[in-house]
Amino acid sequence: MWVVKLGGSLAHHPALRTWTSALAASSEKIIIVPGGGPFADEVRRLQQTWRFDDVRAHTLALRAMEQFGQVLCALHPGLRPLESLNAWNPKTQRQSTWVWAPSRDVLADSSIEASWDVTSDSIAAWLARRVKARGLLLVKSATPGTKDTRLTTLVSEGLVDRAFLRYGPRTECPIGILHRDRVDQVGGWLHSRPGYGHVIDITLPEAD
C-alpha cells in the first residue's frame, strides 16, 4: 500500500489528468490524499474576513480536500472515493486506487491539532502511518531552492507544512517529493523503494 498526496496546486494544471491516469493504471495499491488547493484557499480568505476559529477552519479545510478529491474521481473512472478507513480492507477489494475523504478519520483523532500548520502534507503522513504504507509520495508544483533534504530546510522553504516536522518521521516509511512535471517517474518510484526508514527523496523537473 502506498500513499500519494496530490497537491492542490495541480487543480488548474494540465498535468492533473495525466497524474490521475497514471495512478489509476498502477499495479500497486494506492490511496490518494487530495490537497485543498483553491477550495482551501477560499477557507483561508473566509476566515480572514469573518474571523472564525481554527477548529471550524480546520473542519472546512478537510472538506476542501474532499472537494478536490471529488474532482480527481471525476477525471478518471478508475479512481474511487474512500469515505473512511473503518471497516475498509484493501485485501478483499479489487479496486486498487482510492481517493481518501479525510474528514471522518481525521476529526475522530483528537491528537491532530486544528491548525493551519497541519495541511494535507501532514495529514498524508498521518495516513501513511495509520495504514502502514510502504511509502509516502508528495506530488508538488513547487521546486526547492536547495538539495538539502532535511525537514527543517524543507519547512523553512515552505515545501512541506510546519507540522511535518512531527508527522513525517512518524511514518516509518520512505518519503519522496516528486515534481508535478515528473509523472514519468512515479512508476519507478513506487517500485524501487523497498523497506522502511525516514528518507526524503526529491525528484526535480528536468532542466530546460
Protein backbone atom coordinates (compact mmCIF):
# COMPACT_ATOMS: atom_id res chain seq x y z
CA MET A 1 0.00 0.00 0.00
CA TRP A 2 1.28 3.44 -0.99
CA VAL A 3 0.04 6.88 -0.02
CA VAL A 4 0.31 9.57 -2.70
CA LYS A 5 -0.58 13.16 -1.91
CA LEU A 6 -1.62 15.14 -5.00
CA GLY A 7 -1.07 18.79 -4.23
CA GLY A 8 -3.99 21.13 -4.67
CA SER A 9 -1.67 23.33 -6.71
CA LEU A 10 -2.36 20.95 -9.62
CA ALA A 11 -6.05 21.87 -9.62
CA HIS A 12 -5.74 24.13 -12.68
CA HIS A 13 -2.72 22.45 -14.27
CA PRO A 14 -2.95 20.22 -17.37
CA ALA A 15 -0.75 17.61 -15.68
CA LEU A 16 -3.56 16.72 -13.28
CA ARG A 17 -5.34 14.46 -15.76
CA THR A 18 -2.06 12.70 -16.57
CA TRP A 19 -1.46 12.09 -12.87
CA THR A 20 -4.91 10.63 -12.28
CA SER A 21 -4.46 8.32 -15.27
CA ALA A 22 -1.01 7.18 -14.12
CA LEU A 23 -2.14 6.44 -10.57
CA ALA A 24 -5.30 4.68 -11.71
CA ALA A 25 -3.25 2.46 -14.03
CA SER A 26 -0.69 1.47 -11.39
CA SER A 27 -0.47 -2.16 -10.36
CA GLU A 28 0.27 -1.01 -6.81
CA LYS A 29 -2.48 -0.35 -4.27
CA ILE A 30 -2.60 3.39 -3.72
CA ILE A 31 -4.51 5.80 -1.53
CA ILE A 32 -4.52 9.30 -2.98
CA VAL A 33 -4.67 12.17 -0.49
CA PRO A 34 -6.05 15.24 -2.26
CA GLY A 35 -4.68 18.64 -1.36
CA GLY A 36 -7.01 21.50 -0.56
CA GLY A 37 -6.00 23.70 -3.47
CA PRO A 38 -8.31 26.58 -4.39
CA PHE A 39 -11.00 25.19 -2.12
CA ALA A 40 -8.76 25.53 0.96
CA ASP A 41 -7.60 28.95 -0.24
CA GLU A 42 -11.20 30.11 -0.07
CA VAL A 43 -11.48 28.83 3.50
CA ARG A 44 -8.42 30.91 4.40
CA ARG A 45 -9.95 34.01 2.84
CA LEU A 46 -13.26 33.49 4.61
CA GLN A 47 -11.53 33.05 7.96
CA GLN A 48 -9.59 36.26 7.44
CA THR A 49 -12.82 38.09 6.62
CA TRP A 50 -15.07 36.66 9.33
CA ARG A 51 -12.51 35.72 12.00
CA PHE A 52 -14.00 32.34 12.87
CA ASP A 53 -11.89 29.97 14.97
CA ASP A 54 -9.26 27.49 13.80
CA VAL A 55 -11.37 24.49 14.78
CA ARG A 56 -14.04 25.49 12.28
CA ALA A 57 -11.40 26.41 9.70
CA HIS A 58 -9.74 23.00 10.17
CA THR A 59 -13.01 21.21 9.52
CA LEU A 60 -13.71 23.31 6.45
CA ALA A 61 -10.19 22.72 5.13
CA LEU A 62 -10.73 18.97 5.40
CA ARG A 63 -13.95 19.39 3.45
CA ALA A 64 -11.95 21.38 0.91
CA MET A 65 -9.64 18.41 0.44
CA GLU A 66 -12.69 16.27 -0.17
CA GLN A 67 -13.96 18.67 -2.82
CA PHE A 68 -10.70 18.36 -4.70
CA GLY A 69 -10.94 14.61 -4.21
CA GLN A 70 -14.29 14.64 -5.97
CA VAL A 71 -12.64 16.45 -8.86
CA LEU A 72 -10.00 13.72 -9.06
CA CYS A 73 -12.65 10.98 -9.14
CA ALA A 74 -14.49 12.87 -11.86
CA LEU A 75 -11.36 12.90 -14.03
CA HIS A 76 -10.86 9.14 -14.14
CA PRO A 77 -13.30 6.24 -13.71
CA GLY A 78 -10.56 4.11 -12.17
CA LEU A 79 -10.48 6.27 -9.03
CA ARG A 80 -12.96 5.50 -6.27
CA PRO A 81 -13.72 7.55 -3.15
CA LEU A 82 -12.72 6.14 0.22
CA GLU A 83 -15.03 7.71 2.80
CA SER A 84 -13.45 6.19 5.92
CA LEU A 85 -10.78 3.73 6.97
CA ASN A 86 -13.19 1.98 9.31
CA ALA A 87 -14.29 -1.42 8.07
CA TRP A 88 -12.12 -0.96 4.97
CA ASN A 89 -9.94 -3.87 3.92
CA PRO A 90 -7.97 -3.40 0.67
CA LYS A 91 -7.12 -7.11 0.58
CA THR A 92 -10.74 -8.01 -0.10
CA GLN A 93 -11.38 -5.39 -2.80
CA ARG A 94 -10.50 -5.45 -6.46
CA GLN A 95 -10.18 -1.69 -6.59
CA SER A 96 -6.53 -0.64 -6.35
CA THR A 97 -6.59 3.19 -6.33
CA TRP A 98 -8.71 5.11 -3.86
CA VAL A 99 -9.18 8.82 -3.21
CA TRP A 100 -9.45 9.36 0.52
CA ALA A 101 -12.00 11.69 2.09
CA PRO A 102 -10.17 12.60 5.30
CA SER A 103 -12.72 14.38 7.48
CA ARG A 104 -14.24 11.39 9.30
CA ASP A 105 -10.94 9.76 10.18
CA VAL A 106 -9.01 12.94 10.98
CA LEU A 107 -11.72 14.55 13.10
CA ALA A 108 -12.03 11.30 15.06
CA ASP A 109 -8.39 11.66 16.19
CA SER A 110 -8.20 14.40 18.80
CA SER A 111 -4.39 14.33 18.72
CA ILE A 112 -4.40 16.07 15.32
CA GLU A 113 -4.36 19.77 16.07
CA ALA A 114 -6.80 22.15 14.41
CA SER A 115 -4.24 24.47 12.88
CA TRP A 116 -3.07 25.74 9.51
CA ASP A 117 0.28 24.18 10.45
CA VAL A 118 -1.39 20.86 9.67
CA THR A 119 -2.16 20.69 5.95
CA SER A 120 -2.61 17.79 3.56
CA ASP A 121 1.15 17.08 3.81
CA SER A 122 0.98 16.12 7.47
CA ILE A 123 -2.42 14.51 7.06
CA ALA A 124 -0.94 12.29 4.33
CA ALA A 125 1.92 11.37 6.68
CA TRP A 126 -0.61 10.56 9.41
CA LEU A 127 -2.45 8.31 6.97
CA ALA A 128 0.77 6.59 5.85
CA ARG A 129 1.46 5.61 9.45
CA ARG A 130 -2.15 4.55 10.02
CA VAL A 131 -2.24 2.16 7.04
CA LYS A 132 1.40 1.07 7.45
CA ALA A 133 2.21 2.28 3.95
CA ARG A 134 5.27 1.07 2.08
CA GLY A 135 5.99 4.67 1.17
CA LEU A 136 4.64 8.21 1.05
CA LEU A 137 4.93 10.30 -2.10
CA LEU A 138 4.18 14.04 -2.10
CA VAL A 139 3.46 15.45 -5.57
CA LYS A 140 4.28 19.16 -5.61
CA SER A 141 4.31 22.09 -8.01
CA ALA A 142 6.99 23.94 -6.04
CA THR A 143 10.68 23.46 -6.72
CA PRO A 144 13.06 23.56 -3.74
CA GLY A 145 15.88 26.06 -3.91
CA THR A 146 18.41 23.66 -2.43
CA LYS A 147 19.34 19.98 -2.47
CA ASP A 148 19.25 19.98 1.34
CA THR A 149 16.56 17.44 2.21
CA ARG A 150 16.49 17.97 5.96
CA LEU A 151 12.96 18.52 7.16
CA THR A 152 13.85 21.80 8.81
CA THR A 153 15.05 23.11 5.45
CA LEU A 154 12.00 21.83 3.58
CA VAL A 155 9.73 23.51 6.15
CA SER A 156 11.64 26.80 6.01
CA GLU A 157 11.29 26.80 2.22
CA GLY A 158 7.58 26.12 2.51
CA LEU A 159 7.82 22.86 0.59
CA VAL A 160 6.04 20.99 3.41
CA ASP A 161 3.93 22.28 6.28
CA ARG A 162 5.29 23.02 9.75
CA ALA A 163 3.66 20.03 11.39
CA PHE A 164 5.54 17.72 9.00
CA LEU A 165 8.48 18.01 11.38
CA ARG A 166 6.42 15.77 13.69
CA TYR A 167 4.35 13.70 11.32
CA GLY A 168 6.99 12.99 8.68
CA PRO A 169 9.36 10.93 10.87
CA ARG A 170 6.43 9.02 12.36
CA THR A 171 5.53 7.42 9.05
CA GLU A 172 8.39 4.89 9.42
CA CYS A 173 8.47 4.55 5.64
CA PRO A 174 10.32 6.18 2.73
CA ILE A 175 9.11 9.66 1.84
CA GLY A 176 9.51 11.14 -1.62
CA ILE A 177 8.77 14.52 -3.15
CA LEU A 178 8.06 14.39 -6.86
CA HIS A 179 7.56 17.46 -9.04
CA ARG A 180 4.31 17.57 -10.99
CA ASP A 181 6.24 17.55 -14.29
CA ARG A 182 7.84 14.19 -13.48
CA VAL A 183 4.81 11.95 -13.71
CA ASP A 184 7.01 9.69 -15.85
CA GLN A 185 8.95 8.86 -12.68
CA VAL A 186 6.04 7.74 -10.50
CA GLY A 187 6.12 4.10 -11.61
CA GLY A 188 9.81 3.79 -10.90
CA TRP A 189 9.44 5.45 -7.52
CA LEU A 190 6.67 3.10 -6.43
CA HIS A 191 8.64 0.04 -7.49
CA SER A 192 12.10 0.97 -6.23
CA ARG A 193 11.63 1.98 -2.59
CA PRO A 194 11.60 -1.25 -0.53
CA GLY A 195 11.95 -1.36 3.21
CA TYR A 196 11.39 1.25 5.86
CA GLY A 197 13.18 4.26 7.23
CA HIS A 198 12.83 8.01 7.13
CA VAL A 199 14.05 9.11 3.69
CA ILE A 200 13.36 12.27 1.73
CA ASP A 201 13.95 11.76 -1.98
CA ILE A 202 13.31 14.80 -4.17
CA THR A 203 12.90 14.43 -7.93
CA LEU A 204 13.03 17.76 -9.73
CA PRO A 205 11.76 18.71 -13.19
CA GLU A 206 14.28 18.36 -15.97
CA ALA A 207 16.32 21.44 -16.76
CA ASP A 208 15.36 23.41 -19.88
